[in-house]
Amino acid sequence: MKELIIAFGLFLFIEGILYALFPAKMKNMLQRLGMIKDSQLRTGGLVFALIGFLIVWYIKN
């Protein structure tokens, strides 16, 4: 459970830094997200989730 909280904190830190350092670029990226098909977002999300899972699994073993 401790690792999950640390991972969530790291996620928030990285996300916050991106918005703090590049606010205009992040707004532009969010506008472009509206043009991407739902299926493409779903596929990308699943790929990144799988990569993240594999990294965590590799580190823990």
Protein backbone atom coordinates (compact mmCIF):
# COMPACT_ATOMS: atom_id res chain seq x y z
CA MET A 1 0.00 0.00 0.00
CA LYS A 2 2.89 2.34 0.78
CA GLU A 3 4.29 1.91 -2.74
CA LEU A 4 0.91 2.80 -4.25
CA ILE A 5 0.77 6.04 -2.28
CA ILE A 6 4.34 6.87 -3.30
CA ALA A 7 3.53 6.16 -6.95
CA PHE A 8 0.44 8.37 -6.79
CA GLY A 9 2.46 11.16 -5.20
CA LEU A 10 5.10 10.87 -7.91
CA PHE A 11 2.40 10.98 -10.58
CA LEU A 12 0.94 14.17 -9.07
CA PHE A 13 4.41 15.71 -8.78
CA ILE A 14 5.28 15.05 -12.44
CA GLU A 15 1.87 16.21 -13.65
CA GLY A 16 2.10 19.38 -11.56
CA ILE A 17 5.61 20.20 -12.78
CA LEU A 18 4.49 19.91 -16.40
CA TYR A 19 1.62 22.36 -15.86
CA ALA A 20 3.86 24.74 -13.87
CA LEU A 21 6.69 24.79 -16.42
CA PHE A 22 4.71 24.60 -19.68
CA PRO A 23 1.17 25.96 -19.10
CA ALA A 24 0.59 27.11 -22.70
CA LYS A 25 1.85 23.85 -24.19
CA MET A 26 -0.30 21.80 -21.79
CA LYS A 27 -3.41 23.80 -22.76
CA ASN A 28 -2.58 23.23 -26.43
CA MET A 29 -2.13 19.50 -25.81
CA LEU A 30 -5.47 19.27 -23.99
CA GLN A 31 -7.21 20.99 -26.91
CA ARG A 32 -5.65 18.50 -29.33
CA LEU A 33 -6.86 15.60 -27.19
CA GLY A 34 -10.41 16.47 -28.25
CA MET A 35 -9.52 15.66 -31.86
CA ILE A 36 -8.24 12.15 -31.11
CA LYS A 37 -10.66 9.25 -31.50
CA ASP A 38 -11.83 7.47 -28.35
CA SER A 39 -10.49 4.17 -29.64
CA GLN A 40 -7.02 5.65 -30.09
CA LEU A 41 -7.06 7.07 -26.55
CA ARG A 42 -8.26 3.74 -25.17
CA THR A 43 -5.55 1.82 -27.01
CA GLY A 44 -2.85 4.25 -25.89
CA GLY A 45 -4.09 4.11 -22.31
CA LEU A 46 -4.04 0.32 -22.30
CA VAL A 47 -0.54 0.23 -23.78
CA PHE A 48 0.79 2.65 -21.15
CA ALA A 49 -1.01 0.79 -18.36
CA LEU A 50 0.55 -2.48 -19.55
CA ILE A 51 4.01 -0.92 -19.77
CA GLY A 52 3.61 0.52 -16.27
CA PHE A 53 2.45 -2.82 -14.92
CA LEU A 54 5.40 -4.62 -16.50
CA ILE A 55 7.86 -2.10 -15.04
CA VAL A 56 6.40 -2.50 -11.55
CA TRP A 57 6.30 -6.28 -11.90
CA TYR A 58 9.93 -6.38 -13.09
CA ILE A 59 11.13 -4.13 -10.26
CA LYS A 60 9.24 -6.13 -7.60
CA ASN A 61 10.64 -9.50 -8.83
